[in-house]
Amino acid sequence: MNDKMEIDLVYCYVNGNDEEWKKKRQSYAADEEETICRFRDNSELKYSLRSVEKNAPWIHRIFIVVDSESQIPYWLDTSNPKIKIIFHRDIIPEQYLPCFNSNVIESYLYRIPELAEVFLYANDDMFFGNRVAKEFFVSGEKPLVRLVESKKVPENYYERVVVNAQQIIRKKYGVMLKLIPTHAVDIYSKSAMENCCREFEDAFAERSKNRFREENDINRVVFSYYMILHELCELKAYRKKSLWDKVKMSIFPAKYLDYAVCNLNELSGSGRNRYIFRCGPKLACLNDNEKTTQEDLARYHRYMRKKFPAKSVFEKL
């Protein structure tokens, strides 16, 4: 691996507690069903940045993509030279604004000014749960893409938009890639993302009109597929775990568990899950959902304060 390779990190961030943003969203979404947990701010970004400083200090720059000035977290030290705020208007064409659809926003990340050729992408509820070397994301001179083998029939919106990405690739290349995202921190090539958007320009332009989530959206995994087919990355495909694999991961998560996803209500309700997330894995996602209670949130905050107690350099004094 090239030790001089610079790898940036991009977050897409929404603070659902921001009244200005809520009014804007409601003015365009009178009939849109609200799901509080989708936008609730549980200080995830603050804890995620603490995990970066503690477990991935080699990250070069951090770009935080937000709707507007009112969305900038009050605690964030924007004077830190590693932090760069990017507004939707900086990367998304004016005719598609405002945009509340993460699939659309993610399709314009390659337009971020000064973004490194190779970059990581994370939602704000994703963390570096343990020390992660740069080599975890890079193989030789290429990004290392991590996906999961799956033949599951799609049952929900998220799974259906992944299939949409698979179908677009199949129609163009005649290959159906039965690989789905890990729902953890991903790695991308900026130029590959741009070239993919150009190759499927009509499809992305049509979906860019989707101000909110729609069934014909395209999941960002399409960029991983493009990188695979053009040999622009190395692929790590996770298969169904054996019983012995599960035992090892449960006992020694820091050593054997690359990524894990857990709902907040499951984290607070299971000693096993708390142990796994306390000791590892390298990449973690703690997902808020409709089943999350106030007690779950209180336990979550206690857990995160214990996991990442020290303020990061990205926080105001």
Foldseek 3Di string as FASTA:
>chain_A
DPPPAAAAEEEEAAAPVQPVVVVVVCVVCVPDDDFCQVRHCLVLLQLQVLQCVVAPVRHQAYEYEYADPSGDDPFFDCVPPRYDYHHLPQFPDPVLPPAPAVLLSVLRVLSPPPHGQKYKYAYSQKHQLHHDDPVVQADDHAGEFEWEADPDDDDDLVSLLQQLLQVVCCVVPVDRRRTHHPNWIGMAGSVLSVVLCVVVVVLSVVCSNCRYDDSNRHHPCSSVVSCVVVVRHHYDYHYDDDPVLVVCCQVQVCPRPQEDEEELVRCVPDPSNVVNSLRDDRMYGYGYGPPDDPVSSVVVVVSSCVSRVDRDPRTDD
